[in-house]
C-alpha atoms as a PDB file:
ATOM      1  CA  UNK A   1     -21.062  -8.682   4.312  1.00  0.00           C
ATOM      2  CA  UNK A   2     -17.819  -7.678   2.628  1.00  0.00           C
ATOM      3  CA  UNK A   3     -15.778 -10.430   0.955  1.00  0.00           C
ATOM      4  CA  UNK A   4     -12.342 -10.429  -0.633  1.00  0.00           C
ATOM      5  CA  UNK A   5     -12.309 -12.935  -3.490  1.00  0.00           C
ATOM      6  CA  UNK A   6      -8.910 -14.235  -4.542  1.00  0.00           C
ATOM      7  CA  UNK A   7      -8.157 -15.995  -7.821  1.00  0.00           C
ATOM      8  CA  UNK A   8      -4.669 -17.258  -6.939  1.00  0.00           C
ATOM      9  CA  UNK A   9      -1.880 -17.333  -9.451  1.00  0.00           C
ATOM     10  CA  UNK A  10       1.846 -16.803  -9.424  1.00  0.00           C
ATOM     11  CA  UNK A  11       1.905 -14.520 -12.485  1.00  0.00           C
ATOM     12  CA  UNK A  12      -1.506 -12.877 -11.983  1.00  0.00           C
ATOM     13  CA  UNK A  13      -3.398 -13.013  -8.695  1.00  0.00           C
ATOM     14  CA  UNK A  14      -6.894 -11.554  -9.030  1.00  0.00           C
ATOM     15  CA  UNK A  15      -8.314  -9.675  -6.037  1.00  0.00           C
ATOM     16  CA  UNK A  16     -11.922  -8.521  -5.869  1.00  0.00           C
ATOM     17  CA  UNK A  17     -13.851  -6.991  -2.997  1.00  0.00           C
ATOM     18  CA  UNK A  18     -17.647  -7.206  -3.104  1.00  0.00           C
ATOM     19  CA  UNK A  19     -20.170  -6.046  -0.535  1.00  0.00           C
ATOM     20  CA  UNK A  20     -23.782  -7.078  -0.051  1.00  0.00           C
ATOM     21  CA  UNK A  21     -26.101  -9.755   1.220  1.00  0.00           C
ATOM     22  CA  UNK A  22     -28.422 -12.436  -0.107  1.00  0.00           C
ATOM     23  CA  UNK A  23     -31.503 -10.967  -1.732  1.00  0.00           C
ATOM     24  CA  UNK A  24     -30.019  -7.486  -2.087  1.00  0.00           C
ATOM     25  CA  UNK A  25     -27.966  -5.916  -4.863  1.00  0.00           C
ATOM     26  CA  UNK A  26     -24.242  -6.507  -4.536  1.00  0.00           C
ATOM     27  CA  UNK A  27     -21.712  -3.754  -5.097  1.00  0.00           C
ATOM     28  CA  UNK A  28     -18.139  -3.608  -6.293  1.00  0.00           C
ATOM     29  CA  UNK A  29     -15.763  -2.173  -3.717  1.00  0.00           C
ATOM     30  CA  UNK A  30     -12.441  -2.829  -5.483  1.00  0.00           C
ATOM     31  CA  UNK A  31     -10.881  -5.036  -8.110  1.00  0.00           C
ATOM     32  CA  UNK A  32      -7.226  -5.442  -9.010  1.00  0.00           C
ATOM     33  CA  UNK A  33      -4.582  -7.905 -10.101  1.00  0.00           C
ATOM     34  CA  UNK A  34      -1.220  -8.419  -8.441  1.00  0.00           C
ATOM     35  CA  UNK A  35       1.286  -9.245 -11.175  1.00  0.00           C
ATOM     36  CA  UNK A  36       4.704 -10.807 -10.751  1.00  0.00           C
ATOM     37  CA  UNK A  37       7.454 -11.328 -13.290  1.00  0.00           C
ATOM     38  CA  UNK A  38       8.593 -14.814 -14.173  1.00  0.00           C
ATOM     39  CA  UNK A  39      12.137 -13.361 -14.103  1.00  0.00           C
ATOM     40  CA  UNK A  40      11.936 -13.186 -10.302  1.00  0.00           C
ATOM     41  CA  UNK A  41      12.580 -16.101  -7.960  1.00  0.00           C
ATOM     42  CA  UNK A  42       9.433 -17.762  -6.609  1.00  0.00           C
ATOM     43  CA  UNK A  43       9.997 -16.556  -3.023  1.00  0.00           C
ATOM     44  CA  UNK A  44      10.181 -12.933  -4.239  1.00  0.00           C
ATOM     45  CA  UNK A  45       7.020 -13.420  -6.298  1.00  0.00           C
ATOM     46  CA  UNK A  46       5.206 -14.810  -3.262  1.00  0.00           C
ATOM     47  CA  UNK A  47       6.283 -11.807  -1.161  1.00  0.00           C
ATOM     48  CA  UNK A  48       4.849  -9.487  -3.835  1.00  0.00           C
ATOM     49  CA  UNK A  49       1.548 -11.402  -3.744  1.00  0.00           C
ATOM     50  CA  UNK A  50       1.515 -11.337   0.056  1.00  0.00           C
ATOM     51  CA  UNK A  51       2.048  -7.562   0.100  1.00  0.00           C
ATOM     52  CA  UNK A  52      -0.766  -7.066  -2.405  1.00  0.00           C
ATOM     53  CA  UNK A  53      -3.205  -9.214  -0.430  1.00  0.00           C
ATOM     54  CA  UNK A  54      -2.193  -7.613   2.878  1.00  0.00           C
ATOM     55  CA  UNK A  55      -2.755  -4.148   1.404  1.00  0.00           C
ATOM     56  CA  UNK A  56      -6.315  -5.064   0.302  1.00  0.00           C
ATOM     57  CA  UNK A  57      -7.084  -6.688   3.655  1.00  0.00           C
ATOM     58  CA  UNK A  58      -5.846  -3.604   5.525  1.00  0.00           C
ATOM     59  CA  UNK A  59      -7.626  -1.127   3.273  1.00  0.00           C
ATOM     60  CA  UNK A  60     -10.985  -2.860   2.784  1.00  0.00           C
ATOM     61  CA  UNK A  61     -11.304  -4.930   5.990  1.00  0.00           C
ATOM     62  CA  UNK A  62     -13.427  -7.771   4.606  1.00  0.00           C
ATOM     63  CA  UNK A  63     -15.541 -10.052   6.799  1.00  0.00           C
ATOM     64  CA  UNK A  64     -14.344 -13.154   4.941  1.00  0.00           C
ATOM     65  CA  UNK A  65     -11.936 -14.309   2.247  1.00  0.00           C
ATOM     66  CA  UNK A  66     -13.007 -16.608  -0.605  1.00  0.00           C
ATOM     67  CA  UNK A  67     -10.256 -18.396  -2.513  1.00  0.00           C
ATOM     68  CA  UNK A  68     -10.483 -20.619  -5.563  1.00  0.00           C
ATOM     69  CA  UNK A  69      -9.962 -24.246  -4.571  1.00  0.00           C
ATOM     70  CA  UNK A  70      -7.063 -25.709  -6.522  1.00  0.00           C
ATOM     71  CA  UNK A  71      -7.943 -28.478  -8.949  1.00  0.00           C
ATOM     72  CA  UNK A  72      -5.786 -30.819 -11.003  1.00  0.00           C
ATOM     73  CA  UNK A  73      -4.557 -29.630 -14.355  1.00  0.00           C
ATOM     74  CA  UNK A  74      -2.150 -31.229 -16.740  1.00  0.00           C
ATOM     75  CA  UNK A  75       0.645 -28.709 -16.076  1.00  0.00           C
ATOM     76  CA  UNK A  76       2.166 -29.447 -12.667  1.00  0.00           C
ATOM     77  CA  UNK A  77       4.156 -26.176 -12.616  1.00  0.00           C
ATOM     78  CA  UNK A  78       0.896 -24.205 -12.970  1.00  0.00           C
ATOM     79  CA  UNK A  79      -0.683 -26.144 -10.115  1.00  0.00           C
ATOM     80  CA  UNK A  80       2.321 -25.516  -7.872  1.00  0.00           C
ATOM     81  CA  UNK A  81       2.352 -21.749  -8.438  1.00  0.00           C
ATOM     82  CA  UNK A  82      -1.400 -21.523  -7.973  1.00  0.00           C
ATOM     83  CA  UNK A  83      -1.229 -23.596  -4.779  1.00  0.00           C
ATOM     84  CA  UNK A  84       1.620 -21.470  -3.426  1.00  0.00           C
ATOM     85  CA  UNK A  85      -0.323 -18.253  -4.099  1.00  0.00           C
ATOM     86  CA  UNK A  86      -3.437 -19.768  -2.489  1.00  0.00           C
ATOM     87  CA  UNK A  87      -1.393 -20.713   0.566  1.00  0.00           C
ATOM     88  CA  UNK A  88      -0.111 -17.150   0.892  1.00  0.00           C
ATOM     89  CA  UNK A  89      -3.713 -15.887   0.683  1.00  0.00           C
ATOM     90  CA  UNK A  90      -4.812 -18.278   3.446  1.00  0.00           C
ATOM     91  CA  UNK A  91      -1.937 -17.182   5.690  1.00  0.00           C
ATOM     92  CA  UNK A  92      -2.740 -13.489   5.176  1.00  0.00           C
ATOM     93  CA  UNK A  93      -6.385 -14.097   6.141  1.00  0.00           C
ATOM     94  CA  UNK A  94      -5.516 -16.378   9.071  1.00  0.00           C
ATOM     95  CA  UNK A  95      -3.174 -13.758  10.564  1.00  0.00           C
ATOM     96  CA  UNK A  96      -6.199 -11.491  10.884  1.00  0.00           C
ATOM     97  CA  UNK A  97      -8.530 -14.200  12.158  1.00  0.00           C
ATOM     98  CA  UNK A  98     -10.707 -13.973   9.035  1.00  0.00           C
ATOM     99  CA  UNK A  99     -12.755 -16.963   7.918  1.00  0.00           C
ATOM    100  CA  UNK A 100     -11.467 -18.520   4.695  1.00  0.00           C
ATOM    101  CA  UNK A 101     -13.712 -20.383   2.265  1.00  0.00           C
ATOM    102  CA  UNK A 102     -12.532 -22.413  -0.699  1.00  0.00           C
ATOM    103  CA  UNK A 103     -14.851 -22.582  -3.699  1.00  0.00           C
ATOM    104  CA  UNK A 104     -14.320 -24.812  -6.726  1.00  0.00           C
ATOM    105  CA  UNK A 105     -14.313 -23.303 -10.209  1.00  0.00           C
ATOM    106  CA  UNK A 106     -17.483 -25.202 -11.154  1.00  0.00           C
ATOM    107  CA  UNK A 107     -19.241 -24.018  -7.978  1.00  0.00           C
ATOM    108  CA  UNK A 108     -18.353 -20.406  -8.821  1.00  0.00           C
ATOM    109  CA  UNK A 109     -19.454 -20.783 -12.443  1.00  0.00           C
ATOM    110  CA  UNK A 110     -22.760 -22.323 -11.363  1.00  0.00           C
ATOM    111  CA  UNK A 111     -23.368 -19.622  -8.757  1.00  0.00           C
ATOM    112  CA  UNK A 112     -22.848 -16.653 -11.068  1.00  0.00           C
ATOM    113  CA  UNK A 113     -24.037 -18.064 -14.401  1.00  0.00           C
ATOM    114  CA  UNK A 114     -26.259 -21.018 -13.548  1.00  0.00           C
ATOM    115  CA  UNK A 115     -23.918 -23.305 -15.504  1.00  0.00           C
ATOM    116  CA  UNK A 116     -21.025 -25.098 -13.805  1.00  0.00           C
ATOM    117  CA  UNK A 117     -19.302 -25.398 -17.184  1.00  0.00           C
ATOM    118  CA  UNK A 118     -19.560 -21.742 -18.214  1.00  0.00           C
ATOM    119  CA  UNK A 119     -16.546 -20.278 -19.987  1.00  0.00           C
ATOM    120  CA  UNK A 120     -14.575 -17.263 -18.790  1.00  0.00           C
ATOM    121  CA  UNK A 121     -16.471 -14.887 -21.078  1.00  0.00           C
ATOM    122  CA  UNK A 122     -19.831 -16.010 -19.630  1.00  0.00           C
ATOM    123  CA  UNK A 123     -18.559 -15.621 -16.067  1.00  0.00           C
ATOM    124  CA  UNK A 124     -17.179 -12.162 -16.856  1.00  0.00           C
ATOM    125  CA  UNK A 125     -20.437 -11.115 -18.481  1.00  0.00           C
ATOM    126  CA  UNK A 126     -22.489 -12.266 -15.485  1.00  0.00           C
ATOM    127  CA  UNK A 127     -20.135 -10.557 -12.999  1.00  0.00           C
ATOM    128  CA  UNK A 128     -20.606  -7.373 -15.038  1.00  0.00           C
ATOM    129  CA  UNK A 129     -24.394  -7.749 -14.830  1.00  0.00           C
ATOM    130  CA  UNK A 130     -24.558  -8.760 -11.170  1.00  0.00           C
ATOM    131  CA  UNK A 131     -22.393  -5.835 -10.070  1.00  0.00           C
ATOM    132  CA  UNK A 132     -23.978  -3.444 -12.590  1.00  0.00           C
ATOM    133  CA  UNK A 133     -20.620  -2.485 -14.118  1.00  0.00           C
ATOM    134  CA  UNK A 134     -20.138  -0.483 -17.297  1.00  0.00           C
ATOM    135  CA  UNK A 135     -17.487  -2.871 -18.621  1.00  0.00           C
ATOM    136  CA  UNK A 136     -16.298  -6.406 -17.983  1.00  0.00           C
ATOM    137  CA  UNK A 137     -13.387  -6.533 -15.516  1.00  0.00           C
ATOM    138  CA  UNK A 138     -10.102  -7.350 -17.247  1.00  0.00           C
ATOM    139  CA  UNK A 139      -8.120  -9.541 -17.183  1.00  0.00           C
ATOM    140  CA  UNK A 140     -10.167 -12.670 -16.511  1.00  0.00           C
ATOM    141  CA  UNK A 141      -8.358 -13.115 -13.178  1.00  0.00           C
ATOM    142  CA  UNK A 142     -10.033  -9.916 -11.932  1.00  0.00           C
ATOM    143  CA  UNK A 143     -13.504 -11.099 -13.013  1.00  0.00           C
ATOM    144  CA  UNK A 144     -12.838 -14.516 -11.457  1.00  0.00           C
ATOM    145  CA  UNK A 145     -11.893 -12.908  -8.131  1.00  0.00           C
ATOM    146  CA  UNK A 146     -15.153 -10.946  -8.139  1.00  0.00           C
ATOM    147  CA  UNK A 147     -17.074 -14.125  -9.029  1.00  0.00           C
ATOM    148  CA  UNK A 148     -15.506 -15.844  -6.005  1.00  0.00           C
ATOM    149  CA  UNK A 149     -16.611 -13.010  -3.709  1.00  0.00           C
ATOM    150  CA  UNK A 150     -20.138 -13.081  -5.179  1.00  0.00           C
ATOM    151  CA  UNK A 151     -20.321 -16.847  -4.744  1.00  0.00           C
ATOM    152  CA  UNK A 152     -19.287 -16.592  -1.128  1.00  0.00           C
ATOM    153  CA  UNK A 153     -21.867 -13.937  -0.333  1.00  0.00           C
ATOM    154  CA  UNK A 154     -24.610 -15.942  -2.022  1.00  0.00           C
ATOM    155  CA  UNK A 155     -23.569 -19.423  -0.873  1.00  0.00           C
ATOM    156  CA  UNK A 156     -21.048 -19.079   1.924  1.00  0.00           C
ATOM    157  CA  UNK A 157     -23.421 -17.595   4.449  1.00  0.00           C
ATOM    158  CA  UNK A 158     -26.063 -20.215   3.799  1.00  0.00           C
ATOM    159  CA  UNK A 159     -23.476 -23.019   3.920  1.00  0.00           C
ATOM    160  CA  UNK A 160     -22.273 -21.783   7.315  1.00  0.00           C
ATOM    161  CA  UNK A 161     -25.859 -21.674   8.630  1.00  0.00           C
ATOM    162  CA  UNK A 162     -26.536 -25.212   7.354  1.00  0.00           C
ATOM    163  CA  UNK A 163     -23.338 -26.512   8.989  1.00  0.00           C
ATOM    164  CA  UNK A 164     -24.245 -24.834  12.274  1.00  0.00           C
ATOM    165  CA  UNK A 165     -27.776 -26.269  12.166  1.00  0.00           C
ATOM    166  CA  UNK A 166     -26.450 -29.772  11.448  1.00  0.00           C
ATOM    167  CA  UNK A 167     -23.955 -29.503  14.302  1.00  0.00           C
ATOM    168  CA  UNK A 168     -26.704 -28.361  16.679  1.00  0.00           C
ATOM    169  CA  UNK A 169     -28.993 -31.199  15.573  1.00  0.00           C
ATOM    170  CA  UNK A 170     -26.455 -33.964  16.216  1.00  0.00           C
ATOM    171  CA  UNK A 171     -27.438 -36.029  19.216  1.00  0.00           C
ATOM    172  CA  UNK A 172     -25.118 -35.706  22.173  1.00  0.00           C
ATOM    173  CA  UNK A 173     -24.073 -38.773  24.066  1.00  0.00           C
ATOM    174  CA  UNK A 174     -24.867 -38.702  27.727  1.00  0.00           C
ATOM    175  CA  UNK A 175     -22.882 -40.543  30.281  1.00  0.00           C
ATOM    176  CA  UNK A 176     -24.504 -43.383  32.112  1.00  0.00           C
ATOM    177  CA  UNK A 177     -23.552 -43.685  35.790  1.00  0.00           C
ATOM    178  CA  UNK A 178     -20.726 -46.129  36.319  1.00  0.00           C
ATOM    179  CA  UNK A 179     -18.675 -44.951  33.328  1.00  0.00           C
ATOM    180  CA  UNK A 180     -20.481 -47.022  30.667  1.00  0.00           C
ATOM    181  CA  UNK A 181     -21.984 -45.393  27.620  1.00  0.00           C
END
């Protein structure tokens, strides 16, 4: 499975492509950061992010896209920019019919480090180990994007199988003659 992980942000949007499967070594395909200037208007910044995401989707053709789920912070302007960038990422994936998964920061931290409260340095160190890299991806947005892709490969597939099994196990209602149930 090949996954594009996206750490959304208006100033820096981390993009990381990871390939692999559960129980097998994962490999880095690509990692980058789309940067936009705060001097530009928000619509222009969003177009730059869209172009960067579209380019990675076209070049690497992932099977799924994993995006960080937005959570409340004290700075509303940061939340808005992050949410706007996440929305652009979802649209880019949806245009191609790709499944989109949203993973919380604590879920990602727990998946890659075993600790849902790990700091950015711990996450970066574990991404470096998991992908057998020579150096930690910089900036942190790049490492976070890779961590999202890793999380989706490790958890996303199993979550989809669990959901499918639960849906199949739900009892179906049969109709009783005469229209009553």
